[in-house]
C-alpha atoms as a PDB file:
ATOM      1  CA  MET A   1      48.718 -39.256  39.447  1.00  0.00           C
ATOM      2  CA  ASN A   2      45.647 -37.269  41.548  1.00  0.00           C
ATOM      3  CA  ILE A   3      47.696 -35.926  44.218  1.00  0.00           C
ATOM      4  CA  LYS A   4      49.703 -33.843  41.173  1.00  0.00           C
ATOM      5  CA  ILE A   5      46.327 -32.949  39.347  1.00  0.00           C
ATOM      6  CA  LYS A   6      45.191 -31.960  42.602  1.00  0.00           C
ATOM      7  CA  ASP A   7      48.305 -29.548  43.041  1.00  0.00           C
ATOM      8  CA  LEU A   8      48.310 -28.242  39.722  1.00  0.00           C
ATOM      9  CA  GLU A   9      44.264 -26.899  40.502  1.00  0.00           C
ATOM     10  CA  LYS A  10      45.209 -25.744  43.753  1.00  0.00           C
ATOM     11  CA  GLU A  11      47.688 -23.707  41.795  1.00  0.00           C
ATOM     12  CA  ILE A  12      45.387 -22.274  39.155  1.00  0.00           C
ATOM     13  CA  LYS A  13      42.636 -21.775  41.166  1.00  0.00           C
ATOM     14  CA  THR A  14      45.508 -19.471  43.287  1.00  0.00           C
ATOM     15  CA  LEU A  15      46.551 -18.043  40.014  1.00  0.00           C
ATOM     16  CA  LYS A  16      43.175 -17.207  39.039  1.00  0.00           C
ATOM     17  CA  LEU A  17      42.635 -15.406  42.157  1.00  0.00           C
ATOM     18  CA  GLN A  18      45.892 -13.721  42.187  1.00  0.00           C
ATOM     19  CA  LEU A  19      45.201 -12.177  38.526  1.00  0.00           C
ATOM     20  CA  GLN A  20      41.657 -11.545  39.920  1.00  0.00           C
ATOM     21  CA  LEU A  21      43.286  -9.055  42.739  1.00  0.00           C
ATOM     22  CA  PHE A  22      46.056  -7.658  40.321  1.00  0.00           C
ATOM     23  CA  ALA A  23      43.207  -6.422  38.090  1.00  0.00           C
ATOM     24  CA  LYS A  24      40.912  -4.877  40.907  1.00  0.00           C
ATOM     25  CA  TRP A  25      43.998  -3.193  41.936  1.00  0.00           C
ATOM     26  CA  THR A  26      44.644  -1.748  38.389  1.00  0.00           C
ATOM     27  CA  LYS A  27      41.129  -0.780  38.250  1.00  0.00           C
ATOM     28  CA  GLU A  28      40.964   1.025  41.884  1.00  0.00           C
ATOM     29  CA  THR A  29      44.387   2.770  40.654  1.00  0.00           C
ATOM     30  CA  SER A  30      44.955   6.989  41.185  1.00  0.00           C
ATOM     31  CA  ALA A  31      48.006   8.437  42.087  1.00  0.00           C
ATOM     32  CA  ASN A  32      47.779  11.318  44.880  1.00  0.00           C
ATOM     33  CA  ILE A  33      47.714  14.544  42.713  1.00  0.00           C
ATOM     34  CA  ASP A  34      49.431  17.867  44.465  1.00  0.00           C
ATOM     35  CA  CYS A  35      47.497  20.036  42.012  1.00  0.00           C
ATOM     36  CA  ASN A  36      49.920  23.218  43.914  1.00  0.00           C
ATOM     37  CA  SER A  37      53.365  21.357  43.055  1.00  0.00           C
ATOM     38  CA  TYR A  38      52.101  19.599  39.503  1.00  0.00           C
ATOM     39  CA  SER A  39      52.130  21.879  36.409  1.00  0.00           C
ATOM     40  CA  GLN A  40      49.221  21.332  33.601  1.00  0.00           C
ATOM     41  CA  ILE A  41      50.804  18.930  30.978  1.00  0.00           C
ATOM     42  CA  GLU A  42      52.083  16.777  34.712  1.00  0.00           C
ATOM     43  CA  ASN A  43      48.288  16.674  35.708  1.00  0.00           C
ATOM     44  CA  ILE A  44      47.535  15.093  32.011  1.00  0.00           C
ATOM     45  CA  ILE A  45      49.621  13.000  32.178  1.00  0.00           C
ATOM     46  CA  ASP A  46      49.063  11.587  35.414  1.00  0.00           C
ATOM     47  CA  SER A  47      45.526  11.566  34.469  1.00  0.00           C
ATOM     48  CA  LYS A  48      46.433   9.220  31.342  1.00  0.00           C
ATOM     49  CA  ILE A  49      48.689   6.700  33.148  1.00  0.00           C
ATOM     50  CA  ASN A  50      46.088   5.929  35.896  1.00  0.00           C
ATOM     51  CA  SER A  51      43.259   5.597  32.641  1.00  0.00           C
ATOM     52  CA  ASN A  52      45.815   3.505  31.264  1.00  0.00           C
ATOM     53  CA  ILE A  53      46.462   1.135  34.242  1.00  0.00           C
ATOM     54  CA  GLN A  54      42.587   1.087  34.841  1.00  0.00           C
ATOM     55  CA  ASN A  55      41.882  -0.078  31.392  1.00  0.00           C
ATOM     56  CA  ILE A  56      44.292  -2.959  31.730  1.00  0.00           C
ATOM     57  CA  GLY A  57      42.589  -3.750  34.979  1.00  0.00           C
ATOM     58  CA  ASP A  58      39.317  -3.557  32.681  1.00  0.00           C
ATOM     59  CA  GLU A  59      41.017  -5.827  29.822  1.00  0.00           C
ATOM     60  CA  LEU A  60      42.450  -8.425  32.325  1.00  0.00           C
ATOM     61  CA  GLU A  61      39.390  -8.988  33.957  1.00  0.00           C
ATOM     62  CA  GLU A  62      37.370  -9.687  30.690  1.00  0.00           C
ATOM     63  CA  ILE A  63      39.803 -11.981  29.984  1.00  0.00           C
ATOM     64  CA  LEU A  64      39.120 -13.918  33.335  1.00  0.00           C
ATOM     65  CA  GLN A  65      35.859 -14.466  32.931  1.00  0.00           C
ATOM     66  CA  MET A  66      36.086 -15.830  29.095  1.00  0.00           C
ATOM     67  CA  ASP A  67      35.341 -19.860  29.053  1.00  0.00           C
ATOM     68  CA  ASN A  68      38.354 -22.055  27.276  1.00  0.00           C
ATOM     69  CA  GLU A  69      36.765 -21.686  23.540  1.00  0.00           C
ATOM     70  CA  GLN A  70      36.784 -17.587  23.943  1.00  0.00           C
ATOM     71  CA  LEU A  71      40.481 -17.852  24.639  1.00  0.00           C
ATOM     72  CA  ASN A  72      41.291 -19.863  21.827  1.00  0.00           C
ATOM     73  CA  ASN A  73      39.279 -17.851  19.408  1.00  0.00           C
ATOM     74  CA  GLU A  74      41.032 -15.141  20.432  1.00  0.00           C
ATOM     75  CA  LEU A  75      44.708 -16.658  19.930  1.00  0.00           C
END
């Protein structure tokens, strides 16, 4: 039984690292905008999409920093 608990703990740590990496990547997201071929509206849309993705990364980081009590209160 101890082995299963250790395996689960390892999987949980791996999952948390994966989520932290996902948060980091989303926060660093930026599309390569070719201003010469994009119209003004396309640039605005692209900017908003990047902003939304970065906000997801911020929210995910905030969630990852919460303890169990905070998580349960949010649910």
